[in-house]
N, C-alpha and C. Protein backbone atom coordinates (compact mmCIF):
# COMPACT_ATOMS: atom_id res chain seq x y z
N MET A 1 -33.76 64.98 -87.52
CA MET A 1 -34.56 64.60 -86.48
C MET A 1 -34.64 63.24 -86.03
N GLY A 2 -34.45 62.91 -84.73
CA GLY A 2 -34.33 61.60 -84.25
C GLY A 2 -35.65 60.91 -84.40
N ARG A 3 -35.82 59.75 -84.35
CA ARG A 3 -37.04 58.72 -84.41
C ARG A 3 -37.64 59.30 -83.03
N GLU A 4 -37.06 59.51 -82.00
CA GLU A 4 -37.38 59.61 -80.75
C GLU A 4 -38.12 61.07 -80.44
N ALA A 5 -38.11 61.71 -81.30
CA ALA A 5 -38.42 63.07 -81.13
C ALA A 5 -39.89 63.55 -80.61
N PRO A 6 -40.38 64.48 -80.03
CA PRO A 6 -41.73 64.37 -79.90
C PRO A 6 -42.36 65.56 -80.93
N LEU A 7 -43.44 65.44 -80.67
CA LEU A 7 -44.13 66.54 -81.85
C LEU A 7 -43.48 68.00 -81.39
N LEU A 8 -43.06 68.41 -82.40
CA LEU A 8 -42.51 69.72 -82.37
C LEU A 8 -43.11 70.94 -83.27
N ILE A 9 -43.21 72.20 -82.23
CA ILE A 9 -44.31 73.14 -82.85
C ILE A 9 -43.54 74.62 -82.90
N TRP A 10 -43.46 75.02 -83.87
CA TRP A 10 -42.84 76.41 -83.90
C TRP A 10 -43.88 77.55 -83.81
N THR A 11 -44.04 78.17 -82.75
CA THR A 11 -45.15 79.09 -82.84
C THR A 11 -45.07 80.65 -83.07
N ASP A 12 -43.94 80.95 -83.45
CA ASP A 12 -43.98 82.36 -83.81
C ASP A 12 -43.97 82.44 -85.37
N PRO A 13 -44.68 83.68 -85.84
CA PRO A 13 -44.71 83.79 -87.15
C PRO A 13 -43.30 84.12 -87.90
N GLN A 14 -43.34 83.83 -89.25
CA GLN A 14 -41.86 83.79 -89.77
C GLN A 14 -41.97 84.16 -91.14
N SER A 15 -40.88 84.55 -91.80
CA SER A 15 -40.58 84.73 -93.17
C SER A 15 -39.93 83.38 -93.63
N LEU A 16 -40.29 83.03 -94.84
CA LEU A 16 -39.56 81.75 -95.30
C LEU A 16 -37.94 82.09 -95.76
N PRO A 17 -37.12 81.37 -95.54
CA PRO A 17 -35.76 81.58 -95.78
C PRO A 17 -35.42 81.44 -97.46
N TRP A 18 -35.12 82.10 -98.23
CA TRP A 18 -34.86 82.14 -99.66
C TRP A 18 -33.66 82.90 -99.71
N GLU A 19 -33.00 82.36 -100.97
CA GLU A 19 -31.76 83.28 -101.42
C GLU A 19 -32.19 84.32 -101.88
N GLU A 20 -31.49 85.55 -102.02
CA GLU A 20 -32.06 86.86 -102.32
C GLU A 20 -32.37 86.69 -103.75
N ASP A 21 -31.69 86.08 -104.43
CA ASP A 21 -32.23 86.09 -106.22
C ASP A 21 -33.41 85.42 -106.14
N GLU A 22 -33.65 84.17 -105.16
CA GLU A 22 -35.01 83.46 -105.38
C GLU A 22 -35.96 84.59 -104.84
N ARG A 23 -35.81 85.19 -103.67
CA ARG A 23 -36.74 86.18 -103.14
C ARG A 23 -36.92 87.23 -104.28
N GLU A 24 -36.08 87.71 -104.74
CA GLU A 24 -36.45 88.79 -105.72
C GLU A 24 -37.44 88.39 -106.92
N ALA A 25 -37.29 86.99 -107.33
CA ALA A 25 -37.61 86.50 -108.30
C ALA A 25 -39.28 86.10 -108.24
N LEU A 26 -39.68 85.44 -106.73
CA LEU A 26 -40.57 85.11 -106.16
C LEU A 26 -41.68 86.55 -106.14
N ALA A 27 -41.04 87.72 -105.63
CA ALA A 27 -41.73 88.96 -105.46
C ALA A 27 -42.03 89.62 -106.70
N GLU A 28 -41.69 89.21 -107.79
CA GLU A 28 -41.68 89.54 -109.07
C GLU A 28 -43.33 89.54 -109.65
N GLU A 29 -43.63 88.22 -109.25
CA GLU A 29 -44.92 87.69 -109.78
C GLU A 29 -45.91 87.66 -108.75
N ASP A 30 -47.02 88.02 -109.40
CA ASP A 30 -48.34 88.10 -108.29
C ASP A 30 -48.77 86.72 -107.69
N GLU A 31 -48.46 85.68 -108.86
CA GLU A 31 -48.67 84.27 -108.24
C GLU A 31 -47.84 83.70 -107.08
N THR A 32 -46.59 84.40 -106.99
CA THR A 32 -45.69 83.83 -106.05
C THR A 32 -45.37 84.79 -104.99
N ARG A 33 -45.74 86.04 -105.04
CA ARG A 33 -45.18 87.11 -104.13
C ARG A 33 -45.74 86.65 -102.83
N TRP A 34 -46.56 85.87 -102.69
CA TRP A 34 -47.08 85.50 -101.33
C TRP A 34 -45.98 84.73 -100.41
N LEU A 35 -45.16 83.90 -101.18
CA LEU A 35 -44.28 83.33 -100.70
C LEU A 35 -43.02 84.11 -99.97
N THR A 36 -43.09 85.20 -100.15
CA THR A 36 -41.77 86.30 -99.74
C THR A 36 -42.62 86.98 -98.57
N GLU A 37 -43.83 86.78 -98.26
CA GLU A 37 -44.59 87.51 -97.22
C GLU A 37 -44.37 86.81 -95.84
N ALA A 38 -45.13 87.32 -94.94
CA ALA A 38 -45.05 86.81 -93.40
C ALA A 38 -45.98 85.68 -93.41
N PHE A 39 -45.54 84.46 -92.55
CA PHE A 39 -46.45 83.33 -92.50
C PHE A 39 -46.86 83.37 -91.32
N PRO A 40 -47.74 82.60 -90.77
CA PRO A 40 -48.30 82.45 -89.42
C PRO A 40 -47.69 81.45 -88.67
N ALA A 41 -47.89 81.36 -87.27
CA ALA A 41 -47.27 80.47 -86.48
C ALA A 41 -47.94 79.15 -86.79
N GLY A 42 -47.15 78.00 -86.12
CA GLY A 42 -47.88 76.68 -86.32
C GLY A 42 -47.09 75.57 -87.13
N VAL A 43 -46.22 75.91 -87.61
CA VAL A 43 -45.38 74.62 -88.33
C VAL A 43 -45.09 73.54 -87.38
N HIS A 44 -45.52 72.50 -87.90
CA HIS A 44 -45.19 71.40 -86.74
C HIS A 44 -44.96 70.16 -87.45
N THR A 45 -44.13 69.13 -86.72
CA THR A 45 -43.55 67.94 -87.34
C THR A 45 -43.29 66.98 -86.16
N ARG A 46 -43.37 65.81 -86.68
CA ARG A 46 -43.11 64.68 -85.81
C ARG A 46 -42.53 63.26 -86.69
N PRO A 47 -41.88 62.57 -86.09
CA PRO A 47 -41.52 61.15 -86.83
C PRO A 47 -42.94 60.34 -86.84
N GLU A 48 -42.67 59.56 -87.95
CA GLU A 48 -43.91 58.91 -88.53
C GLU A 48 -43.48 57.50 -88.78
N GLY A 49 -44.29 56.52 -88.28
CA GLY A 49 -43.82 55.05 -88.38
C GLY A 49 -43.13 54.58 -87.27
N ALA A 50 -42.63 53.19 -87.47
CA ALA A 50 -42.12 52.76 -86.34
C ALA A 50 -40.65 51.96 -86.85
N GLY A 51 -39.81 51.53 -86.06
CA GLY A 51 -38.77 50.89 -86.15
C GLY A 51 -37.77 51.64 -87.32
N GLU A 52 -37.24 51.24 -88.42
CA GLU A 52 -36.25 52.17 -89.17
C GLU A 52 -36.76 53.18 -90.24
N SER A 53 -38.34 53.27 -90.14
CA SER A 53 -38.81 54.46 -90.78
C SER A 53 -37.83 55.67 -90.93
N GLN A 54 -37.94 56.15 -92.19
CA GLN A 54 -37.45 57.45 -92.09
C GLN A 54 -38.43 58.56 -92.32
N THR A 55 -39.55 58.31 -92.22
CA THR A 55 -40.76 59.19 -92.68
C THR A 55 -40.96 60.21 -91.28
N PHE A 56 -41.12 61.53 -91.53
CA PHE A 56 -41.37 62.33 -90.66
C PHE A 56 -42.83 63.20 -91.30
N LEU A 57 -43.60 63.72 -90.49
CA LEU A 57 -44.77 64.36 -91.17
C LEU A 57 -44.43 66.05 -90.87
N MET A 58 -44.82 66.63 -91.95
CA MET A 58 -44.54 68.19 -91.86
C MET A 58 -46.10 68.52 -91.88
N LEU A 59 -46.61 69.56 -91.17
CA LEU A 59 -47.74 70.17 -91.27
C LEU A 59 -47.74 71.23 -90.85
N TRP A 60 -48.58 72.25 -91.51
CA TRP A 60 -48.69 73.66 -91.58
C TRP A 60 -49.95 74.16 -92.12
N GLU A 61 -50.82 74.82 -91.12
CA GLU A 61 -52.17 75.35 -92.02
C GLU A 61 -51.53 76.84 -92.09
N TYR A 62 -50.79 77.03 -93.22
CA TYR A 62 -50.24 78.56 -93.40
C TYR A 62 -51.54 79.48 -94.33
N LYS A 63 -52.24 78.69 -94.96
CA LYS A 63 -53.32 79.57 -95.74
C LYS A 63 -54.84 79.57 -94.84
N THR A 64 -54.86 80.42 -94.14
CA THR A 64 -55.78 80.63 -92.87
C THR A 64 -57.17 81.30 -93.31
N LYS A 65 -57.20 81.56 -94.52
CA LYS A 65 -58.56 82.20 -94.91
C LYS A 65 -59.82 81.15 -94.87
N VAL A 66 -60.80 81.88 -94.44
CA VAL A 66 -62.07 81.09 -94.34
C VAL A 66 -62.59 80.90 -95.82
N MET A 67 -62.96 79.68 -96.33
CA MET A 67 -63.65 79.00 -97.49
C MET A 67 -64.44 78.17 -97.26
N ASP A 68 -65.36 78.45 -98.58
CA ASP A 68 -66.39 77.24 -98.67
C ASP A 68 -65.62 75.86 -99.12
N PRO A 69 -65.98 74.80 -98.77
CA PRO A 69 -65.14 73.66 -99.03
C PRO A 69 -65.74 73.18 -100.63
N VAL A 70 -64.73 72.74 -101.41
CA VAL A 70 -64.87 72.11 -102.46
C VAL A 70 -64.12 70.50 -102.70
N TRP A 71 -64.88 69.83 -103.38
CA TRP A 71 -64.67 68.25 -103.69
C TRP A 71 -63.97 68.17 -104.87
N PRO A 72 -62.88 67.77 -105.16
CA PRO A 72 -62.16 67.34 -104.33
C PRO A 72 -61.15 68.58 -103.76
N PRO A 73 -60.56 68.58 -102.54
CA PRO A 73 -59.70 69.65 -102.41
C PRO A 73 -58.74 69.97 -103.19
N LYS A 74 -58.35 71.07 -103.53
CA LYS A 74 -57.42 71.52 -104.48
C LYS A 74 -55.78 71.18 -103.67
N MET A 75 -54.96 70.44 -104.17
CA MET A 75 -53.67 70.23 -103.36
C MET A 75 -52.78 71.47 -103.68
N ASP A 76 -52.10 71.74 -103.04
CA ASP A 76 -50.94 72.88 -103.07
C ASP A 76 -49.73 72.19 -103.32
N GLU A 77 -49.50 72.35 -104.44
CA GLU A 77 -48.39 71.51 -104.82
C GLU A 77 -46.78 71.89 -104.20
N GLN A 78 -46.92 73.29 -103.71
CA GLN A 78 -45.60 73.92 -103.03
C GLN A 78 -45.63 73.65 -101.72
N TYR A 79 -46.61 73.03 -101.01
CA TYR A 79 -46.90 72.74 -99.52
C TYR A 79 -45.42 71.92 -99.42
N PRO A 80 -45.10 70.94 -99.83
CA PRO A 80 -43.69 70.15 -99.19
C PRO A 80 -42.59 71.11 -99.05
N GLU A 81 -42.14 72.00 -99.88
CA GLU A 81 -41.34 73.18 -99.89
C GLU A 81 -41.65 73.80 -98.59
N VAL A 82 -42.55 74.62 -98.99
CA VAL A 82 -43.10 75.81 -97.68
C VAL A 82 -42.76 75.30 -96.48
N ALA A 83 -43.52 74.10 -96.41
CA ALA A 83 -43.43 73.23 -94.76
C ALA A 83 -41.71 72.79 -94.42
N LEU A 84 -41.12 72.61 -95.48
CA LEU A 84 -39.85 72.16 -95.04
C LEU A 84 -39.00 73.55 -94.91
N ARG A 85 -39.30 74.66 -95.54
CA ARG A 85 -38.83 75.80 -95.20
C ARG A 85 -39.14 76.46 -93.94
N GLY A 86 -40.42 76.11 -93.78
CA GLY A 86 -40.87 76.83 -92.56
C GLY A 86 -40.10 76.10 -91.18
N LEU A 87 -40.19 74.70 -91.53
CA LEU A 87 -39.70 74.05 -90.35
C LEU A 87 -38.08 74.46 -89.99
N SER A 88 -37.37 74.83 -91.19
CA SER A 88 -35.88 75.02 -90.81
C SER A 88 -35.66 76.51 -89.85
N ALA A 89 -36.67 77.15 -89.41
CA ALA A 89 -36.40 78.24 -88.29
C ALA A 89 -36.42 77.28 -86.96
N MET A 90 -36.95 76.19 -86.96
CA MET A 90 -36.92 75.55 -85.56
C MET A 90 -35.74 74.36 -85.69
N LEU A 91 -35.54 73.90 -86.71
CA LEU A 91 -34.63 72.53 -87.26
C LEU A 91 -33.75 73.24 -88.17
N PRO A 92 -32.79 74.07 -88.12
CA PRO A 92 -31.70 74.47 -89.05
C PRO A 92 -31.42 73.51 -90.14
N ARG A 93 -31.01 72.05 -89.62
CA ARG A 93 -30.19 71.35 -90.49
C ARG A 93 -31.45 70.77 -91.78
N MET A 94 -32.63 71.13 -91.52
CA MET A 94 -33.63 71.14 -92.52
C MET A 94 -33.00 71.94 -93.83
N LYS A 95 -32.21 72.78 -93.70
CA LYS A 95 -32.05 73.60 -94.95
C LYS A 95 -30.96 72.86 -95.77
N GLU A 96 -30.36 71.60 -95.28
CA GLU A 96 -29.84 70.80 -96.15
C GLU A 96 -30.54 70.17 -97.32
N TYR A 97 -31.65 70.14 -97.05
CA TYR A 97 -32.67 69.54 -98.12
C TYR A 97 -33.31 70.47 -98.98
N PHE A 98 -33.05 71.71 -99.03
CA PHE A 98 -33.86 72.57 -99.82
C PHE A 98 -33.53 72.78 -101.15
N GLY A 99 -32.32 71.98 -101.64
CA GLY A 99 -32.23 71.95 -103.27
C GLY A 99 -32.39 70.54 -103.52
N ARG A 100 -32.61 69.67 -102.46
CA ARG A 100 -32.55 68.19 -102.93
C ARG A 100 -33.43 67.41 -101.99
N MET A 101 -34.58 68.00 -101.96
CA MET A 101 -35.84 67.07 -101.11
C MET A 101 -35.92 65.92 -101.40
N PRO A 102 -36.08 64.93 -100.54
CA PRO A 102 -36.54 63.72 -100.92
C PRO A 102 -37.84 63.81 -101.44
N ARG A 103 -38.41 62.85 -102.01
CA ARG A 103 -39.86 62.68 -102.76
C ARG A 103 -40.85 62.76 -101.69
N PRO A 104 -41.59 64.08 -101.38
CA PRO A 104 -42.65 63.94 -100.61
C PRO A 104 -43.87 63.18 -100.91
N GLN A 105 -44.74 62.68 -99.99
CA GLN A 105 -45.95 62.05 -100.32
C GLN A 105 -46.93 63.24 -99.80
N LEU A 106 -47.65 63.88 -100.83
CA LEU A 106 -48.59 65.00 -100.54
C LEU A 106 -49.87 64.52 -100.02
N ASP A 107 -50.41 64.74 -98.90
CA ASP A 107 -51.74 64.49 -98.69
C ASP A 107 -52.47 65.77 -98.02
N GLY A 108 -53.78 65.67 -98.14
CA GLY A 108 -54.28 66.92 -97.44
C GLY A 108 -55.57 67.00 -97.58
N GLY A 109 -56.21 68.05 -97.28
CA GLY A 109 -57.77 68.30 -96.96
C GLY A 109 -58.03 69.61 -96.32
N TYR A 110 -58.85 69.54 -95.61
CA TYR A 110 -59.25 70.87 -94.81
C TYR A 110 -59.16 70.88 -93.49
N TYR A 111 -58.28 72.08 -93.01
CA TYR A 111 -58.40 72.11 -91.54
C TYR A 111 -59.60 73.03 -91.19
N THR A 112 -60.59 71.98 -90.42
CA THR A 112 -61.75 72.63 -90.23
C THR A 112 -61.83 72.70 -88.66
N LYS A 113 -62.28 74.11 -88.55
CA LYS A 113 -62.24 74.52 -87.28
C LYS A 113 -63.61 75.53 -86.92
N THR A 114 -63.89 75.49 -85.79
CA THR A 114 -65.01 76.55 -85.43
C THR A 114 -64.65 77.87 -85.35
N ARG A 115 -65.48 78.86 -85.20
CA ARG A 115 -64.98 80.32 -85.14
C ARG A 115 -64.21 80.41 -83.88
N GLU A 116 -64.46 79.64 -83.08
CA GLU A 116 -63.60 80.04 -81.60
C GLU A 116 -62.66 79.12 -81.38
N ASN A 117 -62.49 78.16 -82.38
CA ASN A 117 -61.30 77.14 -82.36
C ASN A 117 -61.56 76.17 -81.16
N LEU A 118 -62.59 75.79 -81.00
CA LEU A 118 -62.71 74.59 -79.97
C LEU A 118 -63.65 73.49 -80.58
N PRO A 119 -63.13 72.38 -80.32
CA PRO A 119 -63.62 70.98 -81.08
C PRO A 119 -65.03 70.98 -80.99
N LEU A 120 -65.93 70.30 -81.61
CA LEU A 120 -67.30 69.71 -81.66
C LEU A 120 -67.20 68.37 -81.01
N VAL A 121 -67.75 67.80 -80.10
CA VAL A 121 -67.71 66.60 -79.34
C VAL A 121 -69.11 66.20 -78.76
N GLY A 122 -69.97 65.44 -79.26
CA GLY A 122 -70.99 64.99 -78.80
C GLY A 122 -72.19 64.51 -79.60
N PRO A 123 -73.46 64.87 -79.18
CA PRO A 123 -74.64 64.70 -79.88
C PRO A 123 -75.04 65.70 -80.80
N MET A 124 -75.43 65.13 -81.79
CA MET A 124 -76.02 66.07 -83.19
C MET A 124 -77.18 65.56 -83.75
N GLY A 125 -77.97 66.26 -84.42
CA GLY A 125 -78.81 66.06 -84.93
C GLY A 125 -80.10 64.84 -84.78
N PRO A 126 -80.43 63.85 -85.30
CA PRO A 126 -81.02 62.90 -85.00
C PRO A 126 -80.44 61.82 -83.84
N GLY A 127 -81.52 61.44 -83.08
CA GLY A 127 -81.09 60.53 -81.82
C GLY A 127 -80.00 59.63 -82.31
N GLY A 128 -79.17 59.15 -81.66
CA GLY A 128 -77.93 58.35 -82.04
C GLY A 128 -76.85 58.74 -82.81
N ALA A 129 -77.09 59.94 -83.31
CA ALA A 129 -76.00 60.57 -84.26
C ALA A 129 -74.85 61.32 -83.33
N PHE A 130 -73.61 61.54 -83.71
CA PHE A 130 -72.77 62.20 -82.84
C PHE A 130 -71.65 62.70 -83.68
N ILE A 131 -70.85 63.76 -83.11
CA ILE A 131 -69.86 64.44 -83.91
C ILE A 131 -68.56 64.51 -83.14
N ILE A 132 -67.68 64.42 -83.84
CA ILE A 132 -66.26 64.65 -83.43
C ILE A 132 -65.34 65.37 -84.49
N GLY A 133 -65.21 66.39 -84.31
CA GLY A 133 -64.33 67.36 -85.13
C GLY A 133 -63.78 68.69 -84.81
N ALA A 134 -63.53 69.38 -85.71
CA ALA A 134 -62.93 70.89 -85.54
C ALA A 134 -61.86 70.64 -84.74
N VAL A 135 -60.72 69.77 -84.66
CA VAL A 135 -59.55 69.98 -83.80
C VAL A 135 -58.44 70.38 -84.67
N SER A 136 -58.52 71.17 -85.56
CA SER A 136 -57.78 71.78 -86.28
C SER A 136 -56.78 72.68 -85.49
N GLY A 137 -55.38 72.02 -85.89
CA GLY A 137 -54.07 72.61 -85.16
C GLY A 137 -53.79 72.13 -83.97
N TYR A 138 -54.52 71.04 -83.60
CA TYR A 138 -54.22 70.41 -82.30
C TYR A 138 -54.81 69.10 -82.11
N GLY A 139 -54.98 68.40 -83.36
CA GLY A 139 -55.59 67.15 -83.35
C GLY A 139 -55.16 66.09 -82.92
N ILE A 140 -53.54 66.29 -83.17
CA ILE A 140 -52.66 65.19 -82.70
C ILE A 140 -52.66 65.18 -81.40
N MET A 141 -52.70 66.30 -80.70
CA MET A 141 -52.47 66.52 -79.34
C MET A 141 -53.62 66.16 -78.67
N SER A 142 -54.97 66.12 -78.99
CA SER A 142 -56.22 66.24 -78.32
C SER A 142 -57.05 64.81 -79.08
N ALA A 143 -56.44 64.02 -79.72
CA ALA A 143 -57.22 62.74 -80.23
C ALA A 143 -57.72 62.02 -79.02
N CYS A 144 -56.83 61.59 -78.47
CA CYS A 144 -57.23 60.57 -77.26
C CYS A 144 -58.41 61.54 -76.26
N GLY A 145 -58.06 62.67 -75.79
CA GLY A 145 -59.28 63.17 -75.09
C GLY A 145 -60.34 63.43 -75.54
N VAL A 146 -60.47 63.87 -77.03
CA VAL A 146 -61.74 64.03 -77.51
C VAL A 146 -62.55 62.71 -77.84
N GLY A 147 -61.66 61.68 -78.03
CA GLY A 147 -62.18 60.33 -78.27
C GLY A 147 -62.48 59.76 -77.01
N ASP A 148 -62.23 60.19 -75.96
CA ASP A 148 -62.64 59.46 -74.63
C ASP A 148 -63.98 60.43 -74.37
N LEU A 149 -63.94 61.69 -74.75
CA LEU A 149 -65.18 62.36 -74.62
C LEU A 149 -66.24 62.04 -75.26
N LEU A 150 -66.15 61.64 -76.72
CA LEU A 150 -67.30 61.01 -77.49
C LEU A 150 -67.56 59.81 -76.92
N GLY A 151 -66.69 58.86 -76.55
CA GLY A 151 -66.91 57.43 -75.99
C GLY A 151 -67.91 57.67 -74.82
N ALA A 152 -67.87 58.77 -73.70
CA ALA A 152 -68.74 58.96 -72.82
C ALA A 152 -70.06 59.21 -73.20
N HIS A 153 -70.00 60.14 -74.31
CA HIS A 153 -71.33 60.50 -74.75
C HIS A 153 -72.20 59.45 -75.41
N ILE A 154 -71.82 58.48 -76.02
CA ILE A 154 -71.89 57.26 -76.81
C ILE A 154 -72.59 56.06 -75.99
N THR A 155 -71.81 56.07 -74.74
CA THR A 155 -72.23 54.96 -73.79
C THR A 155 -73.11 55.60 -73.00
N GLY A 156 -73.27 56.67 -72.73
CA GLY A 156 -74.07 57.28 -71.69
C GLY A 156 -73.41 57.70 -70.29
N SER A 157 -71.94 57.25 -70.57
CA SER A 157 -71.31 57.37 -69.25
C SER A 157 -71.28 58.85 -68.57
N GLU A 158 -71.01 58.87 -67.30
CA GLU A 158 -70.96 60.23 -66.63
C GLU A 158 -69.91 61.10 -67.44
N LEU A 159 -70.51 62.39 -67.82
CA LEU A 159 -69.65 63.29 -68.53
C LEU A 159 -68.89 64.17 -67.70
N PRO A 160 -67.64 64.59 -67.81
CA PRO A 160 -66.81 65.76 -67.50
C PRO A 160 -67.81 67.18 -67.32
N SER A 161 -67.36 68.00 -66.30
CA SER A 161 -68.05 69.14 -66.31
C SER A 161 -67.82 70.03 -67.52
N TYR A 162 -66.70 69.90 -68.14
CA TYR A 162 -66.50 70.71 -69.02
C TYR A 162 -67.40 70.19 -70.63
N ALA A 163 -67.81 69.04 -70.67
CA ALA A 163 -68.51 68.36 -72.04
C ALA A 163 -69.15 69.32 -72.67
N SER A 164 -69.98 70.25 -71.99
CA SER A 164 -70.97 71.05 -72.69
C SER A 164 -70.25 71.96 -73.59
N ALA A 165 -69.08 72.39 -73.03
CA ALA A 165 -68.21 73.64 -73.81
C ALA A 165 -67.97 72.85 -75.25
N PHE A 166 -67.98 71.62 -75.59
CA PHE A 166 -67.57 71.19 -76.83
C PHE A 166 -68.93 70.64 -77.85
N GLU A 167 -70.16 70.67 -77.10
CA GLU A 167 -71.20 70.21 -78.03
C GLU A 167 -71.79 71.11 -78.89
N LEU A 168 -72.38 70.75 -79.86
CA LEU A 168 -72.58 71.59 -81.03
C LEU A 168 -73.72 72.56 -80.39
N SER A 169 -74.57 71.81 -79.67
CA SER A 169 -75.79 72.46 -79.00
C SER A 169 -75.16 73.99 -78.24
N ARG A 170 -73.93 74.38 -78.10
CA ARG A 170 -73.59 75.56 -77.75
C ARG A 170 -74.01 76.70 -78.34
N TYR A 171 -74.15 76.52 -79.64
CA TYR A 171 -74.55 77.42 -80.65
C TYR A 171 -76.04 77.75 -80.71
N GLU A 172 -76.86 77.16 -79.86
CA GLU A 172 -78.10 77.42 -79.62
C GLU A 172 -78.42 78.41 -78.60
N ASP A 173 -77.06 78.87 -77.89
CA ASP A 173 -77.25 79.69 -76.57
C ASP A 173 -76.92 81.09 -77.03
N ALA A 174 -77.81 81.89 -76.99
CA ALA A 174 -77.70 83.39 -77.27
C ALA A 174 -76.56 83.94 -76.82
N GLU A 175 -76.36 83.90 -75.55
CA GLU A 175 -75.35 84.47 -74.68
C GLU A 175 -74.08 84.05 -75.20
N TYR A 176 -73.95 82.64 -75.68
CA TYR A 176 -72.68 82.28 -75.98
C TYR A 176 -72.11 82.99 -77.80
N THR A 177 -73.43 82.85 -78.43
CA THR A 177 -72.98 83.38 -79.87
C THR A 177 -72.84 84.80 -79.87
N LYS A 178 -73.48 85.48 -79.00
CA LYS A 178 -72.93 86.96 -78.90
C LYS A 178 -71.38 87.05 -78.46
N ARG A 179 -71.12 86.38 -77.39
CA ARG A 179 -69.59 86.36 -76.94
C ARG A 179 -68.78 86.11 -78.20
N LEU A 180 -69.23 85.06 -79.40
CA LEU A 180 -68.34 84.85 -80.07
C LEU A 180 -68.09 86.21 -81.23
N GLU A 181 -69.05 87.31 -81.22
CA GLU A 181 -69.01 88.28 -81.95
C GLU A 181 -67.60 89.01 -81.82
N ASN A 182 -67.16 88.85 -80.51
CA ASN A 182 -65.92 89.54 -80.18
C ASN A 182 -64.97 88.73 -79.45
N TRP A 183 -65.00 87.56 -79.90
CA TRP A 183 -64.11 86.73 -79.63
C TRP A 183 -62.70 86.88 -79.79
N GLY A 184 -62.15 87.27 -80.98
CA GLY A 184 -60.99 87.74 -81.30
C GLY A 184 -60.10 86.79 -81.25
N GLU A 185 -58.54 87.05 -81.40
CA GLU A 185 -57.44 86.14 -81.46
C GLU A 185 -57.07 85.56 -80.05
N ASN A 186 -56.81 84.21 -79.89
CA ASN A 186 -56.33 83.70 -78.47
C ASN A 186 -55.26 83.24 -78.58
N GLY A 187 -54.67 83.12 -79.55
CA GLY A 187 -53.24 82.34 -79.56
C GLY A 187 -53.39 80.93 -80.05
N GLN A 188 -54.34 80.42 -80.47
CA GLN A 188 -54.68 78.80 -80.35
C GLN A 188 -54.01 78.64 -81.83
N LEU A 189 -53.63 77.47 -81.86
CA LEU A 189 -52.82 77.17 -83.34
C LEU A 189 -53.93 76.74 -84.04
């Protein structure tokens, strides 16, 4: 992947590529069987750093279950290999690293999202308190936009017509919360 590459996202579900003997061994154990099953869409990558940097980010929220947060978050030590194998569907030359992956830097936390996967941007709680968050799956792409929107809230500038759709107060609207009961999947990452 060249340094000039844009953000790349694979939007199809997939199974990880394993050698047949690897797949059989993984499928035998309860703890590793999940590595042979279907994975959700959304593995993405982009170059990181400037100049001669050889770093690139691999991002994929493949464990999509709803959970209560614990601190510190448990790091998934298999994440670098899973993400690398997932990216190989889109970038086949990634397979060259399967047996000799460069030393990854593993970082992590929680992908926080609202039930309908819309961000939270605007006032909250006591006067002068604001929130910006729940941009799971599209934070890299939306950071400037949600930052501008929060800035408008903080400075008292004119808000765009869609601003209320991202405010925490939307959950106080009975009609809106009723719609959430049947929201369903909508293809968002």
